[in-house]
């Protein structure tokens, strides 16, 4: 194996704190070819599809990648912007920039934030290369998935670990598994609901829609289902809602396999018949609005609801780059950075720099002895 090294490393360089933000990813363009390449990478991840590789390869390349890309490209065109492109990538960049500003308030200039996508570009590899170029020696990995799942958070870990297996000098690392039960996160969700109620009125029911996964993943030990229900329970408590005033559903299922229930689309068709003609709906598993929230929830599921007698469908956006969300993420990073120099209130930068210069001088002497030249 050829390892990725740091040949330009200088002993007098100041090691920095780095934060790697990771989200799912997006095609490069809303076109069939670009979507096919994206889906091929995404659906080839064994964390996503837990089937024997030989069988899944036949299904993926023989059926899915022949049919689904054109359909998905059409959906992407509905949410794509001529100015900013993919909403997920655009919002993720805004989050990354906002978090960098937030962390600079806390740590000064000694922190670098980089954005990587689990699939497609910008890749996790390129983001880590960017952090290495900034001399990051302490790294916090922040998957932007509030609820842990093997299909998302663990897949990010796999990609980071794969990159580090090819890295000669890995940094100290801390990995954030999930954050859905942090009070500041729940409060930010609740405040977004309250603001929507104030601006748009309040529906008869608050629906929280989460991306689904196959039911057998839950039965195999994936905690995602439980964490989704925990998120909604805490949100309901923060808002003072009775149990019957908030409902959990799961969206985005594919194929004939049983997925987590209740299904969002089926629920939207039934709610008006249950007497819920006015609803508010949000997606607390998504940190940024994307195809699944804009096209699937605001478009497809709105239609199901209205076609079956629903009168008012109010979508509450994801937290995106709201300041309370960014402040929470800054607090989360600071909490996970405890014990590192950046969080030491008595840190003396000038003394550190003097020590680095002395180290560099000693290293130069030793290198000259070893190699016989400067």
Protein backbone atom coordinates (compact mmCIF):
# COMPACT_ATOMS: atom_id res chain seq x y z
CA UNK A 1 0.00 0.00 0.00
CA UNK A 2 1.20 3.51 -0.81
CA UNK A 3 0.76 5.78 2.19
CA UNK A 4 -0.18 9.45 2.04
CA UNK A 5 2.64 11.31 3.77
CA UNK A 6 3.47 14.81 4.94
CA UNK A 7 6.86 15.44 3.26
CA UNK A 8 6.60 19.20 3.74
CA UNK A 9 6.07 18.99 7.48
CA UNK A 10 8.09 21.52 9.48
CA UNK A 11 8.75 21.12 13.21
CA UNK A 12 8.09 24.79 13.80
CA UNK A 13 4.55 24.45 12.38
CA UNK A 14 1.74 24.89 14.86
CA UNK A 15 -0.56 21.87 15.06
CA UNK A 16 -4.18 22.94 14.64
CA UNK A 17 -7.62 21.72 15.60
CA UNK A 18 -9.65 20.54 12.63
CA UNK A 19 -13.35 19.82 12.28
CA UNK A 20 -14.56 17.59 9.47
CA UNK A 21 -18.26 18.12 8.74
CA UNK A 22 -19.80 15.27 6.76
CA UNK A 23 -23.19 14.88 5.12
CA UNK A 24 -24.56 12.34 2.68
CA UNK A 25 -23.74 13.81 -0.71
CA UNK A 26 -25.38 14.85 -3.96
CA UNK A 27 -24.98 14.30 -7.69
CA UNK A 28 -22.79 16.79 -9.54
CA UNK A 29 -25.71 17.76 -11.77
CA UNK A 30 -29.43 16.96 -12.14
CA UNK A 31 -28.72 14.80 -15.17
CA UNK A 32 -29.15 11.08 -15.66
CA UNK A 33 -25.44 10.31 -16.06
CA UNK A 34 -24.39 12.27 -12.98
CA UNK A 35 -27.20 10.76 -10.92
CA UNK A 36 -26.26 7.25 -12.11
CA UNK A 37 -22.65 7.76 -10.95
CA UNK A 38 -23.83 9.09 -7.61
CA UNK A 39 -26.31 6.27 -7.03
CA UNK A 40 -23.73 3.67 -8.05
CA UNK A 41 -21.38 4.91 -5.31
CA UNK A 42 -24.13 5.40 -2.73
CA UNK A 43 -25.88 2.06 -3.28
CA UNK A 44 -22.60 0.11 -3.45
CA UNK A 45 -21.94 0.90 0.21
CA UNK A 46 -22.52 -2.33 2.20
CA UNK A 47 -23.72 -0.21 5.13
CA UNK A 48 -26.65 0.92 2.98
CA UNK A 49 -27.63 -2.41 1.47
CA UNK A 50 -26.93 -5.43 3.64
CA UNK A 51 -27.23 -8.16 1.05
CA UNK A 52 -24.66 -10.61 -0.34
CA UNK A 53 -22.45 -8.56 -2.62
CA UNK A 54 -22.82 -10.84 -5.62
CA UNK A 55 -26.61 -10.72 -5.42
CA UNK A 56 -26.82 -6.98 -4.85
CA UNK A 57 -24.39 -6.27 -7.70
CA UNK A 58 -26.72 -8.07 -10.10
CA UNK A 59 -29.76 -6.16 -8.83
CA UNK A 60 -27.96 -2.81 -8.74
CA UNK A 61 -26.35 -2.91 -12.17
CA UNK A 62 -28.94 -5.08 -13.85
CA UNK A 63 -32.07 -3.26 -12.71
CA UNK A 64 -31.77 -0.22 -10.43
CA UNK A 65 -29.09 1.75 -12.29
CA UNK A 66 -30.98 1.20 -15.54
CA UNK A 67 -34.27 2.62 -14.22
CA UNK A 68 -33.83 4.88 -11.21
CA UNK A 69 -31.28 7.51 -12.43
CA UNK A 70 -33.64 9.10 -14.97
CA UNK A 71 -36.46 9.25 -12.44
CA UNK A 72 -34.20 10.69 -9.73
CA UNK A 73 -32.67 13.21 -12.14
CA UNK A 74 -36.16 14.56 -12.82
CA UNK A 75 -36.71 14.98 -9.07
CA UNK A 76 -33.34 16.69 -8.64
CA UNK A 77 -34.19 19.16 -11.41
CA UNK A 78 -37.20 20.26 -9.38
CA UNK A 79 -35.02 21.33 -6.43
CA UNK A 80 -31.85 22.41 -8.28
CA UNK A 81 -30.84 26.07 -8.38
CA UNK A 82 -29.08 27.65 -11.35
CA UNK A 83 -27.11 29.84 -8.93
CA UNK A 84 -26.25 27.46 -6.08
CA UNK A 85 -26.85 23.98 -7.49
CA UNK A 86 -27.81 21.21 -5.09
CA UNK A 87 -29.63 22.51 -1.99
CA UNK A 88 -27.89 19.98 0.25
CA UNK A 89 -24.42 21.01 -0.92
CA UNK A 90 -25.24 24.71 -0.87
CA UNK A 91 -26.64 24.59 2.68
CA UNK A 92 -23.79 22.35 3.86
CA UNK A 93 -21.29 24.92 2.63
CA UNK A 94 -23.19 27.64 4.49
CA UNK A 95 -23.13 25.52 7.65
CA UNK A 96 -19.40 24.87 7.28
CA UNK A 97 -18.63 28.58 6.82
CA UNK A 98 -20.88 29.59 9.72
CA UNK A 99 -19.36 26.99 12.03
CA UNK A 100 -15.86 28.21 11.13
CA UNK A 101 -16.87 31.72 12.22
CA UNK A 102 -18.46 30.35 15.40
CA UNK A 103 -15.37 28.34 16.33
CA UNK A 104 -13.04 31.24 15.58
CA UNK A 105 -14.87 33.16 18.32
CA UNK A 106 -14.00 30.36 20.74
CA UNK A 107 -10.56 29.23 19.59
CA UNK A 108 -9.23 32.15 17.61
CA UNK A 109 -7.36 31.35 14.40
CA UNK A 110 -6.28 27.92 15.60
CA UNK A 111 -9.11 25.90 14.02
CA UNK A 112 -9.93 24.77 10.48
CA UNK A 113 -13.33 23.50 9.31
CA UNK A 114 -13.63 21.40 6.19
CA UNK A 115 -16.66 19.90 4.44
CA UNK A 116 -16.74 16.39 3.01
CA UNK A 117 -19.56 14.33 1.55
CA UNK A 118 -19.82 10.61 2.16
CA UNK A 119 -20.60 10.08 -1.53
CA UNK A 120 -19.53 12.21 -4.51
CA UNK A 121 -17.81 15.60 -4.14
CA UNK A 122 -16.35 17.22 -2.15
CA UNK A 123 -15.16 13.87 -0.87
CA UNK A 124 -14.05 12.94 2.61
CA UNK A 125 -10.60 12.23 1.13
CA UNK A 126 -10.32 15.76 -0.29
CA UNK A 127 -11.59 17.31 2.95
CA UNK A 128 -9.00 15.45 5.02
CA UNK A 129 -6.28 16.45 2.54
CA UNK A 130 -7.37 20.07 3.03
CA UNK A 131 -7.14 19.66 6.81
CA UNK A 132 -3.69 18.07 6.52
CA UNK A 133 -2.52 21.01 4.43
CA UNK A 134 -3.59 23.27 7.31
CA UNK A 135 -1.43 21.15 9.67
CA UNK A 136 -4.37 19.75 11.60
CA UNK A 137 -3.05 17.40 14.28
CA UNK A 138 -6.27 17.12 16.31
CA UNK A 139 -9.38 16.17 14.40
CA UNK A 140 -13.07 16.07 15.35
CA UNK A 141 -15.32 14.25 12.88
CA UNK A 142 -18.88 15.61 12.90
CA UNK A 143 -21.37 13.59 10.83
CA UNK A 144 -24.40 15.83 10.38
CA UNK A 145 -26.80 13.07 11.35
CA UNK A 146 -28.55 13.82 14.65
CA UNK A 147 -29.57 10.18 15.18
CA UNK A 148 -26.97 7.41 14.90
CA UNK A 149 -27.49 4.68 12.34
CA UNK A 150 -25.18 2.14 10.82
CA UNK A 151 -26.40 3.35 7.43
CA UNK A 152 -25.19 6.91 8.00
CA UNK A 153 -22.90 7.64 10.95
CA UNK A 154 -21.11 4.29 10.83
CA UNK A 155 -20.62 4.66 7.09
CA UNK A 156 -18.86 7.99 7.70
CA UNK A 157 -16.60 6.24 10.20
CA UNK A 158 -15.80 3.60 7.56
CA UNK A 159 -14.79 6.26 5.04
CA UNK A 160 -12.65 8.20 7.52
CA UNK A 161 -11.01 5.00 8.75
CA UNK A 162 -10.30 3.92 5.17
CA UNK A 163 -8.58 7.24 4.50
CA UNK A 164 -6.57 6.98 7.72
CA UNK A 165 -5.47 3.45 6.84
CA UNK A 166 -3.66 5.06 3.91
CA UNK A 167 -2.28 7.96 5.96
CA UNK A 168 1.25 7.77 7.30
CA UNK A 169 0.82 10.16 10.23
CA UNK A 170 -2.74 10.18 11.48
CA UNK A 171 -3.98 12.95 13.78
CA UNK A 172 -5.56 12.48 17.17
CA UNK A 173 -9.23 11.92 16.46
CA UNK A 174 -12.58 12.16 18.16
CA UNK A 175 -15.77 11.02 16.46
CA UNK A 176 -19.24 12.36 17.31
CA UNK A 177 -21.76 9.52 17.09
CA UNK A 178 -25.05 11.38 17.55
CA UNK A 179 -26.52 14.46 19.17
CA UNK A 180 -30.29 14.13 18.96
CA UNK A 181 -30.82 14.19 22.73
CA UNK A 182 -28.80 17.33 23.51
CA UNK A 183 -31.11 19.92 24.99
CA UNK A 184 -29.79 22.77 22.83
CA UNK A 185 -30.52 20.75 19.69
CA UNK A 186 -34.05 19.94 20.86
CA UNK A 187 -34.60 23.59 21.80
CA UNK A 188 -33.48 24.73 18.34
CA UNK A 189 -35.99 22.33 16.78
CA UNK A 190 -38.70 23.55 19.15
CA UNK A 191 -37.92 27.20 18.43
CA UNK A 192 -38.21 26.54 14.70
CA UNK A 193 -41.67 25.07 15.33
CA UNK A 194 -42.74 27.99 17.52
CA UNK A 195 -41.57 30.48 14.88
CA UNK A 196 -43.56 28.64 12.22
CA UNK A 197 -46.65 28.60 14.41
CA UNK A 198 -46.32 32.33 15.01
CA UNK A 199 -45.84 33.13 11.32
CA UNK A 200 -48.19 30.59 9.72
CA UNK A 201 -50.63 29.49 12.40
CA UNK A 202 -50.76 26.15 14.16
CA UNK A 203 -52.06 22.89 12.78
CA UNK A 204 -53.99 20.13 14.52
CA UNK A 205 -50.98 17.81 14.54
CA UNK A 206 -47.18 18.05 14.41
CA UNK A 207 -45.73 15.30 12.21
CA UNK A 208 -42.03 14.43 12.52
CA UNK A 209 -40.83 12.54 9.46
CA UNK A 210 -37.56 10.59 9.55
CA UNK A 211 -35.70 8.86 6.74
CA UNK A 212 -36.55 5.17 6.92
CA UNK A 213 -34.32 2.10 6.97
CA UNK A 214 -35.21 -1.58 6.51
CA UNK A 215 -36.93 -3.02 9.58
CA UNK A 216 -34.44 -5.89 9.75
CA UNK A 217 -31.67 -3.38 10.55
CA UNK A 218 -33.57 -2.45 13.71
CA UNK A 219 -34.00 -6.13 14.58
CA UNK A 220 -30.24 -6.60 14.06
CA UNK A 221 -29.46 -3.92 16.63
CA UNK A 222 -29.44 -0.54 14.85
CA UNK A 223 -30.61 2.09 17.41
CA UNK A 224 -31.91 4.57 14.83
CA UNK A 225 -35.62 3.79 15.29
CA UNK A 226 -35.38 4.33 19.04
CA UNK A 227 -33.37 7.54 18.65
CA UNK A 228 -35.95 8.96 16.25
CA UNK A 229 -38.73 8.32 18.75
CA UNK A 230 -36.58 9.82 21.50
CA UNK A 231 -36.06 12.97 19.43
CA UNK A 232 -39.80 13.41 18.91
CA UNK A 233 -40.59 12.66 22.54
CA UNK A 234 -38.11 15.29 23.75
CA UNK A 235 -39.38 17.76 21.15
CA UNK A 236 -42.97 17.19 22.26
CA UNK A 237 -41.99 17.72 25.88
CA UNK A 238 -40.14 20.93 25.01
CA UNK A 239 -43.23 22.21 23.16
CA UNK A 240 -45.64 21.05 25.86
CA UNK A 241 -47.50 18.74 23.48
CA UNK A 242 -49.67 15.83 24.53
CA UNK A 243 -48.74 12.45 23.07
CA UNK A 244 -51.59 12.57 20.56
CA UNK A 245 -50.48 15.99 19.26
CA UNK A 246 -47.19 14.74 17.74
CA UNK A 247 -46.66 11.78 15.46
CA UNK A 248 -43.58 9.94 14.13
CA UNK A 249 -43.49 8.66 10.54
CA UNK A 250 -40.77 7.31 8.25
CA UNK A 251 -40.19 8.32 4.64
CA UNK A 252 -38.12 7.40 1.57
CA UNK A 253 -38.61 3.63 1.53
CA UNK A 254 -37.67 1.74 -1.62
CA UNK A 255 -38.30 -1.81 -2.79
CA UNK A 256 -40.72 -4.39 -1.44
CA UNK A 257 -38.92 -5.09 1.84
CA UNK A 258 -40.57 -4.05 5.11
CA UNK A 259 -39.16 -0.73 6.35
CA UNK A 260 -39.69 1.17 9.57
CA UNK A 261 -43.35 2.04 10.12
CA UNK A 262 -45.58 3.98 9.98
CA UNK A 263 -44.84 5.09 6.43
CA UNK A 264 -45.08 8.80 5.74
CA UNK A 265 -46.95 8.51 2.43
CA UNK A 266 -49.58 6.14 3.83
CA UNK A 267 -50.03 8.39 6.88
CA UNK A 268 -50.54 11.49 4.71
CA UNK A 269 -53.35 9.71 2.87
CA UNK A 270 -55.05 8.67 6.13
CA UNK A 271 -54.71 11.79 8.31
CA UNK A 272 -57.60 13.80 6.79
CA UNK A 273 -59.92 10.84 7.39
CA UNK A 274 -58.82 10.82 11.03
CA UNK A 275 -59.90 14.44 11.38
CA UNK A 276 -56.49 16.08 10.91
CA UNK A 277 -57.14 18.56 8.09
CA UNK A 278 -54.36 20.96 9.15
CA UNK A 279 -50.84 19.72 9.94
CA UNK A 280 -47.32 20.97 10.51
CA UNK A 281 -44.54 18.64 9.35
CA UNK A 282 -40.77 18.64 9.85
CA UNK A 283 -37.80 16.30 9.27
CA UNK A 284 -35.60 16.19 12.42
CA UNK A 285 -33.24 13.56 10.98
CA UNK A 286 -32.00 15.99 8.33
CA UNK A 287 -29.59 18.76 9.30
CA UNK A 288 -30.07 20.44 5.93
CA UNK A 289 -32.94 20.63 3.49
CA UNK A 290 -32.43 18.39 0.49
CA UNK A 291 -34.24 16.32 -2.13
CA UNK A 292 -35.98 14.23 0.54
CA UNK A 293 -37.42 17.24 2.34
CA UNK A 294 -38.07 19.65 -0.54
CA UNK A 295 -39.33 17.30 -3.24
CA UNK A 296 -40.52 14.28 -1.27
CA UNK A 297 -42.12 15.99 1.75
CA UNK A 298 -43.11 19.42 0.38
CA UNK A 299 -44.07 18.01 -3.00
CA UNK A 300 -45.10 14.37 -3.10
CA UNK A 301 -46.43 13.96 0.43
CA UNK A 302 -48.18 17.33 0.37
CA UNK A 303 -50.09 16.07 -2.67
CA UNK A 304 -51.08 12.84 -0.91
CA UNK A 305 -52.41 14.85 2.02
CA UNK A 306 -54.36 17.37 -0.05
CA UNK A 307 -55.72 14.80 -2.52
CA UNK A 308 -57.29 12.97 0.41
CA UNK A 309 -59.02 15.96 1.96
CA UNK A 310 -56.20 17.79 3.76
CA UNK A 311 -56.61 21.57 3.81
CA UNK A 312 -53.43 22.98 5.33
CA UNK A 313 -49.94 21.45 4.98
CA UNK A 314 -47.16 23.54 6.56
CA UNK A 315 -43.59 22.33 6.15
CA UNK A 316 -41.13 23.54 8.81
CA UNK A 317 -37.61 23.76 7.31
CA UNK A 318 -34.60 21.91 8.68
CA UNK A 319 -32.30 23.79 11.03
CA UNK A 320 -29.89 24.49 8.16
CA UNK A 321 -27.62 27.42 9.10
CA UNK A 322 -29.90 28.95 11.74
CA UNK A 323 -27.75 30.68 14.34
CA UNK A 324 -29.09 28.58 17.23
CA UNK A 325 -28.15 25.45 15.26
CA UNK A 326 -24.65 26.76 14.53
CA UNK A 327 -24.19 27.84 18.16
CA UNK A 328 -25.21 24.36 19.28
CA UNK A 329 -22.73 22.74 16.88
CA UNK A 330 -20.02 25.05 18.22
CA UNK A 331 -20.85 23.96 21.76
CA UNK A 332 -20.77 20.34 20.64
CA UNK A 333 -17.32 20.70 19.07
CA UNK A 334 -15.99 22.55 22.10
CA UNK A 335 -17.28 19.81 24.39
CA UNK A 336 -15.55 17.12 22.36
CA UNK A 337 -12.32 19.13 22.19
CA UNK A 338 -11.90 19.21 25.96
CA UNK A 339 -8.37 18.32 27.09
CA UNK A 340 -6.81 19.57 23.88
CA UNK A 341 -4.71 22.78 23.82
CA UNK A 342 -7.42 24.82 22.11
CA UNK A 343 -9.68 24.54 25.17
CA UNK A 344 -6.98 25.36 27.74
CA UNK A 345 -7.78 28.82 29.21
CA UNK A 346 -4.16 29.17 30.35
CA UNK A 347 -2.65 28.36 26.98
CA UNK A 348 0.39 30.52 26.17
CA UNK A 349 0.77 30.71 22.40
CA UNK A 350 4.04 32.65 22.46
CA UNK A 351 5.70 30.11 24.74
CA UNK A 352 4.47 27.31 22.49
CA UNK A 353 5.98 29.01 19.47
CA UNK A 354 9.32 29.43 21.20
CA UNK A 355 9.26 25.74 22.10
CA UNK A 356 8.47 24.83 18.49
CA UNK A 357 11.44 26.87 17.25
CA UNK A 358 13.70 25.06 19.70
CA UNK A 359 12.28 21.72 18.56
CA UNK A 360 12.88 22.65 14.94
CA UNK A 361 16.51 23.50 15.68
CA UNK A 362 17.08 20.16 17.43
CA UNK A 363 15.35 18.30 14.61
CA UNK A 364 17.54 19.98 12.02
CA UNK A 365 20.67 18.93 13.93
CA UNK A 366 19.49 15.33 14.19
CA UNK A 367 18.48 15.22 10.53
CA UNK A 368 21.89 16.51 9.48
CA UNK A 369 23.57 13.76 11.54
CA UNK A 370 21.31 11.14 10.00
CA UNK A 371 21.51 12.24 6.38
CA UNK A 372 24.85 13.97 6.39
CA UNK A 373 23.39 17.15 4.86
CA UNK A 374 20.99 20.02 5.54
